[in-house]
Amino acid sequence: MLKSALLWASTNATLAARLPRYRFVQRAVRRFMPGETMEDAFREAEALRERGLPTLVTELGENVDSAAAAGRVVDAYRALSAGIARRGLDMQLSVKPTHLGMDQGMELAVRNVVTLAREAEGTVWLDMESSPYVDATLELFREARAQAPNVGICLQAYLHRTEEDYEALLPLRPDIRLVKGAYMEPPEVAIPRKADVDEAYRRLALRMLRDRKEGRMGFVGVGTHDARLLGEAARTAAALGLARADWEVEMLYGIAVQEQNRLHGAGTPLRVLISYGAHWFPWYMRRLAERPANVAFVLRQVVRR
């Protein structure tokens, strides 16, 4: 029930307009993002680099309302890429298709993704949004990757369709990040039970690692905070003899930090995703829904108010 309420809140425009004004909400969100500016993201990326950790970065935002707005997002990401190069960071980009204009047309979105990929030194990852965008995002990936081979894509294990989507992508030897999924979806679209989502994730993640070993798959990103699943993935990768260049664990800034430290200390390849930007409310609600125990942290911020 709590998870459903949080996912509902992530789509509520009134809450998105009002709650971020409260200081206790602003304090709570700082656990999961370093700030709202590019410089905030760079500061944390440089601190993580000192510990030997590479990063992913995303500017928060979805569903821009015009091609001009999408162009401003592209300009921001181009500035981000230039800053990454100046600082010599191992930092990849993660972008949402609707933030780059997919609602305004596929041609625009492809052009914007290709522009970013051609200027980026590493992979540009297409994030996966809610289920109505899956087909368009897969099309965007195919068209952009035909022009820029450093484009990767995210798949969500909780969707019933994901294993078939994965099989359809295999002829491209794609680079894929696998996550569980964080949007509110009906049971006919997404697996409703957590245990079943975990099993779907486990099955596909291990298959991806095996396919990587056998040359059918590109780079594998294992994106979860589930210690049990991460342990099984790490053991499987070691048994297969996969190298750091073949796969990595990807975890969010500020979440399961002790587990991040443990994995890094054990030599597991790990990359940390840093999010920044002013439009953080929907993203923040989805992060709480992924791990409702984090609500206790928010409640402590209320008490400190």
Protein backbone atom coordinates (compact mmCIF):
# COMPACT_ATOMS: atom_id res chain seq x y z
CA MET A 1 0.00 0.00 0.00
CA LEU A 2 2.83 2.41 0.87
CA LYS A 3 4.60 1.68 -2.41
CA SER A 4 1.40 2.33 -4.37
CA ALA A 5 0.87 5.61 -2.53
CA LEU A 6 4.40 6.77 -3.31
CA LEU A 7 4.09 5.85 -6.98
CA TRP A 8 0.77 7.72 -7.13
CA ALA A 9 2.46 10.74 -5.55
CA SER A 10 5.18 10.63 -8.23
CA THR A 11 2.55 11.40 -10.88
CA ASN A 12 0.61 14.04 -8.93
CA ALA A 13 1.22 17.54 -10.29
CA THR A 14 -0.17 19.30 -7.20
CA LEU A 15 2.19 17.49 -4.85
CA ALA A 16 5.08 18.10 -7.25
CA ALA A 17 4.37 21.81 -7.14
CA ARG A 18 3.92 22.09 -3.37
CA LEU A 19 6.03 19.57 -1.46
CA PRO A 20 9.46 20.61 -2.83
CA ARG A 21 8.94 24.03 -1.20
CA TYR A 22 9.23 22.50 2.28
CA ARG A 23 12.69 22.49 3.81
CA PHE A 24 12.24 19.08 5.43
CA VAL A 25 11.59 17.61 1.98
CA GLN A 26 14.63 19.39 0.58
CA ARG A 27 16.76 18.06 3.45
CA ALA A 28 15.53 14.52 2.90
CA VAL A 29 16.21 14.48 -0.83
CA ARG A 30 19.84 15.48 -0.26
CA ARG A 31 20.47 11.92 0.86
CA PHE A 32 19.85 10.74 -2.69
CA MET A 33 21.23 13.59 -4.81
CA PRO A 34 24.08 15.99 -4.13
CA GLY A 35 22.24 19.09 -5.35
CA GLU A 36 20.43 20.69 -8.24
CA THR A 37 23.37 21.91 -10.32
CA MET A 38 25.92 20.37 -12.63
CA GLU A 39 28.69 21.55 -10.32
CA ASP A 40 27.09 19.64 -7.46
CA ALA A 41 27.24 16.47 -9.58
CA PHE A 42 30.87 17.10 -10.54
CA ARG A 43 31.84 17.67 -6.90
CA GLU A 44 30.51 14.27 -5.88
CA ALA A 45 31.92 12.56 -8.97
CA GLU A 46 35.38 13.87 -8.13
CA ALA A 47 35.02 12.68 -4.53
CA LEU A 48 34.00 9.23 -5.75
CA ARG A 49 36.92 9.20 -8.19
CA GLU A 50 39.26 9.68 -5.25
CA ARG A 51 37.90 6.38 -3.93
CA GLY A 52 38.36 4.68 -7.30
CA LEU A 53 34.69 4.72 -8.29
CA PRO A 54 33.42 5.69 -11.76
CA THR A 55 30.05 7.36 -12.16
CA LEU A 56 26.92 7.79 -14.26
CA VAL A 57 25.13 11.13 -14.34
CA THR A 58 21.64 12.25 -15.25
CA GLU A 59 19.90 15.60 -15.25
CA LEU A 60 16.45 14.97 -13.82
CA GLY A 61 13.47 15.75 -16.01
CA GLU A 62 10.87 14.15 -18.26
CA ASN A 63 8.26 15.06 -20.89
CA VAL A 64 9.47 18.42 -22.15
CA ASP A 65 6.71 20.35 -23.91
CA SER A 66 8.53 21.59 -27.01
CA ALA A 67 11.43 20.96 -29.35
CA ALA A 68 13.05 24.13 -28.02
CA ALA A 69 12.92 22.80 -24.46
CA ALA A 70 14.49 19.55 -25.63
CA GLY A 71 17.21 21.59 -27.31
CA ARG A 72 18.01 23.28 -24.01
CA VAL A 73 18.35 19.86 -22.38
CA VAL A 74 20.73 18.78 -25.15
CA ASP A 75 22.80 21.93 -24.60
CA ALA A 76 22.98 21.15 -20.87
CA TYR A 77 24.19 17.61 -21.59
CA ARG A 78 26.75 18.90 -24.09
CA ALA A 79 28.08 21.22 -21.38
CA LEU A 80 28.12 18.24 -19.04
CA SER A 81 30.16 16.20 -21.54
CA ALA A 82 32.62 19.07 -21.95
CA GLY A 83 33.01 19.28 -18.17
CA ILE A 84 33.58 15.55 -17.92
CA ALA A 85 36.36 15.78 -20.51
CA ARG A 86 38.01 18.76 -18.78
CA ARG A 87 38.05 16.95 -15.47
CA GLY A 88 39.15 13.62 -16.91
CA LEU A 89 36.27 11.78 -15.23
CA ASP A 90 35.13 8.25 -16.01
CA MET A 91 31.53 9.46 -16.11
CA GLN A 92 28.81 8.26 -18.47
CA LEU A 93 25.52 9.93 -19.39
CA SER A 94 22.06 8.54 -18.66
CA VAL A 95 19.21 10.32 -20.47
CA LYS A 96 15.42 10.01 -20.50
CA PRO A 97 13.94 9.90 -24.03
CA THR A 98 11.06 12.25 -23.21
CA HIS A 99 13.57 14.74 -21.76
CA LEU A 100 15.19 14.80 -25.21
CA GLY A 101 11.96 15.39 -27.11
CA MET A 102 10.52 11.96 -27.87
CA ASP A 103 7.00 13.33 -27.31
CA GLN A 104 7.73 15.84 -30.07
CA GLY A 105 8.74 13.16 -32.59
CA MET A 106 11.12 10.28 -33.18
CA GLU A 107 13.28 12.18 -35.66
CA LEU A 108 13.99 14.90 -33.11
CA ALA A 109 14.78 12.39 -30.37
CA VAL A 110 17.14 10.40 -32.59
CA ARG A 111 18.97 13.53 -33.66
CA ASN A 112 19.38 14.68 -30.07
CA VAL A 113 20.62 11.30 -28.81
CA VAL A 114 23.10 10.97 -31.68
CA THR A 115 24.39 14.49 -31.06
CA LEU A 116 25.12 13.63 -27.43
CA ALA A 117 26.62 10.22 -28.24
CA ARG A 118 29.02 11.65 -30.82
CA GLU A 119 30.34 14.18 -28.31
CA ALA A 120 30.49 11.84 -25.31
CA GLU A 121 33.65 9.92 -24.47
CA GLY A 122 31.74 6.97 -22.98
CA THR A 123 28.38 5.28 -23.27
CA VAL A 124 25.19 7.31 -23.48
CA TRP A 125 22.45 5.26 -21.81
CA LEU A 126 18.79 5.57 -22.77
CA ASP A 127 16.75 5.22 -19.64
CA MET A 128 13.45 3.36 -19.83
CA GLU A 129 10.35 5.28 -18.74
CA SER A 130 6.79 4.05 -18.14
CA SER A 131 5.32 1.25 -20.25
CA PRO A 132 3.60 3.41 -22.93
CA TYR A 133 7.09 4.53 -24.00
CA VAL A 134 8.74 1.11 -24.27
CA ASP A 135 8.16 0.53 -28.00
CA ALA A 136 9.24 4.06 -28.90
CA THR A 137 12.34 3.81 -26.70
CA LEU A 138 13.36 0.53 -28.34
CA GLU A 139 12.91 2.16 -31.75
CA LEU A 140 14.92 5.17 -30.60
CA PHE A 141 17.70 2.88 -29.44
CA ARG A 142 17.86 1.00 -32.73
CA GLU A 143 17.90 4.14 -34.85
CA ALA A 144 20.38 6.03 -32.67
CA ARG A 145 22.72 3.08 -32.30
CA ALA A 146 22.87 2.64 -36.07
CA GLN A 147 24.52 6.07 -36.16
CA ALA A 148 26.40 6.02 -32.84
CA PRO A 149 27.58 2.65 -31.47
CA ASN A 150 28.14 4.01 -27.95
CA VAL A 151 24.38 4.20 -27.23
CA GLY A 152 23.12 1.72 -24.63
CA ILE A 153 19.65 1.00 -23.29
CA CYS A 154 17.97 0.22 -19.97
CA LEU A 155 15.48 -2.65 -19.60
CA GLN A 156 13.05 -3.12 -16.70
CA ALA A 157 12.74 -6.65 -15.35
CA TYR A 158 9.25 -6.16 -13.89
CA LEU A 159 7.56 -5.81 -17.28
CA HIS A 160 6.07 -9.05 -18.61
CA ARG A 161 7.45 -8.27 -22.07
CA THR A 162 11.08 -7.63 -21.14
CA GLU A 163 12.56 -11.05 -21.86
CA GLU A 164 11.08 -10.99 -25.37
CA ASP A 165 12.41 -7.45 -25.87
CA TYR A 166 15.84 -8.65 -24.80
CA GLU A 167 15.79 -11.52 -27.28
CA ALA A 168 14.75 -9.15 -30.08
CA LEU A 169 17.72 -6.88 -29.27
CA LEU A 170 20.36 -9.63 -29.18
CA PRO A 171 21.22 -9.48 -32.91
CA LEU A 172 22.58 -5.96 -32.20
CA ARG A 173 24.90 -7.20 -29.42
CA PRO A 174 23.49 -4.37 -27.29
CA ASP A 175 24.90 -2.73 -24.19
CA ILE A 176 22.13 -3.10 -21.59
CA ARG A 177 21.51 -1.90 -18.06
CA LEU A 178 19.00 -4.07 -16.25
CA VAL A 179 16.88 -2.56 -13.46
CA LYS A 180 13.80 -3.83 -11.66
CA GLY A 181 11.48 -0.97 -12.66
CA ALA A 182 10.00 1.90 -10.67
CA TYR A 183 6.84 3.18 -12.38
CA MET A 184 3.23 2.51 -11.41
CA GLU A 185 1.99 -0.15 -13.83
CA PRO A 186 -1.13 -2.37 -13.90
CA PRO A 187 -0.68 -6.12 -13.24
CA GLU A 188 -1.34 -7.02 -16.86
CA VAL A 189 1.74 -4.95 -17.80
CA ALA A 190 4.12 -5.49 -14.88
CA ILE A 191 4.70 -8.33 -12.43
CA PRO A 192 2.87 -7.34 -9.22
CA ARG A 193 4.63 -9.49 -6.59
CA LYS A 194 8.07 -8.43 -5.38
CA ALA A 195 9.33 -12.01 -5.11
CA ASP A 196 8.35 -12.65 -8.72
CA VAL A 197 10.06 -9.44 -9.86
CA ASP A 198 13.21 -10.53 -8.03
CA GLU A 199 13.13 -13.89 -9.79
CA ALA A 200 12.56 -12.29 -13.19
CA TYR A 201 15.50 -9.98 -12.52
CA ARG A 202 17.74 -12.81 -11.37
CA ARG A 203 16.92 -14.98 -14.37
CA LEU A 204 17.56 -12.25 -16.93
CA ALA A 205 20.65 -10.78 -15.25
CA LEU A 206 22.38 -14.16 -15.14
CA ARG A 207 21.38 -14.86 -18.72
CA MET A 208 22.86 -11.53 -19.80
CA LEU A 209 26.15 -12.36 -18.10
CA ARG A 210 26.28 -15.76 -19.83
CA ASP A 211 25.43 -14.17 -23.17
CA ARG A 212 28.22 -11.66 -22.64
CA LYS A 213 30.68 -14.48 -22.06
CA GLU A 214 29.52 -16.24 -25.23
CA GLY A 215 29.79 -13.09 -27.37
CA ARG A 216 26.06 -12.60 -27.99
CA MET A 217 25.77 -9.57 -25.76
CA GLY A 218 27.54 -6.26 -25.30
CA PHE A 219 28.28 -4.64 -21.94
CA VAL A 220 26.11 -5.69 -18.97
CA GLY A 221 25.02 -3.24 -16.28
CA VAL A 222 23.47 -4.89 -13.21
CA GLY A 223 21.41 -2.09 -11.70
CA THR A 224 19.97 -3.06 -8.32
CA HIS A 225 20.52 -2.55 -4.59
CA ASP A 226 19.41 -6.07 -3.71
CA ALA A 227 22.42 -7.61 -1.92
CA ARG A 228 21.28 -11.16 -2.60
CA LEU A 229 20.94 -10.58 -6.34
CA LEU A 230 24.21 -8.66 -6.47
CA GLY A 231 26.00 -11.49 -4.74
CA GLU A 232 24.68 -14.05 -7.20
CA ALA A 233 25.60 -11.85 -10.15
CA ALA A 234 29.13 -11.33 -8.82
CA ARG A 235 29.62 -15.06 -8.24
CA THR A 236 28.32 -15.85 -11.73
CA ALA A 237 30.56 -13.25 -13.36
CA ALA A 238 33.58 -14.64 -11.49
CA ALA A 239 32.74 -18.22 -12.46
CA LEU A 240 32.42 -17.16 -16.10
CA GLY A 241 35.73 -15.31 -15.97
CA LEU A 242 34.20 -11.97 -16.96
CA ALA A 243 36.51 -8.96 -16.82
CA ARG A 244 35.81 -5.46 -15.52
CA ALA A 245 35.31 -4.37 -19.14
CA ASP A 246 32.46 -6.88 -19.54
CA TRP A 247 30.10 -5.91 -16.76
CA GLU A 248 29.54 -3.82 -13.65
CA VAL A 249 27.14 -3.22 -10.80
CA GLU A 250 25.34 0.13 -10.99
CA MET A 251 23.89 1.67 -7.84
CA LEU A 252 22.34 5.01 -6.97
CA TYR A 253 24.17 7.71 -5.06
CA GLY A 254 23.20 7.66 -1.39
CA ILE A 255 21.39 4.31 -1.42
CA ALA A 256 22.77 1.15 0.20
CA VAL A 257 26.10 2.89 0.78
CA GLN A 258 27.41 0.15 3.06
CA GLU A 259 26.73 -2.40 0.34
CA GLN A 260 28.49 -0.16 -2.18
CA ASN A 261 31.52 0.00 0.09
CA ARG A 262 31.49 -3.77 0.58
CA LEU A 263 31.29 -4.48 -3.16
CA HIS A 264 34.02 -1.98 -3.97
CA GLY A 265 36.25 -3.39 -1.25
CA ALA A 266 35.73 -6.89 -2.64
CA GLY A 267 36.84 -5.78 -6.11
CA THR A 268 33.40 -5.98 -7.75
CA PRO A 269 33.20 -3.48 -10.65
CA LEU A 270 30.88 -0.74 -9.44
CA ARG A 271 29.57 2.51 -10.92
CA VAL A 272 27.51 5.08 -8.99
CA LEU A 273 24.62 6.97 -10.62
CA ILE A 274 24.45 10.63 -9.62
CA SER A 275 21.26 12.57 -10.31
CA TYR A 276 20.90 16.33 -10.18
CA GLY A 277 18.47 19.02 -11.30
CA ALA A 278 15.47 21.03 -10.17
CA HIS A 279 12.82 18.58 -11.39
CA TRP A 280 13.52 15.93 -8.80
CA PHE A 281 10.13 15.29 -7.16
CA PRO A 282 8.78 12.43 -9.38
CA TRP A 283 12.18 10.75 -9.37
CA TYR A 284 12.41 11.07 -5.59
CA MET A 285 9.00 9.52 -5.02
CA ARG A 286 9.97 6.56 -7.21
CA ARG A 287 13.18 6.09 -5.22
CA LEU A 288 11.18 5.95 -2.00
CA ALA A 289 8.76 3.48 -3.58
CA GLU A 290 11.65 1.21 -4.57
CA ARG A 291 12.75 1.06 -0.95
CA PRO A 292 9.91 2.10 1.38
CA ALA A 293 12.23 1.74 4.38
CA ASN A 294 13.68 5.08 3.25
CA VAL A 295 10.43 6.70 4.36
CA ALA A 296 11.71 6.37 7.94
CA PHE A 297 14.59 8.64 6.97
CA VAL A 298 12.14 11.23 5.64
CA LEU A 299 10.12 11.05 8.85
CA ARG A 300 13.26 11.80 10.84
CA GLN A 301 13.69 14.93 8.75
CA VAL A 302 10.15 15.95 9.67
CA VAL A 303 10.99 15.56 13.38
CA ARG A 304 14.10 17.76 12.88
CA ARG A 305 12.03 20.47 11.22
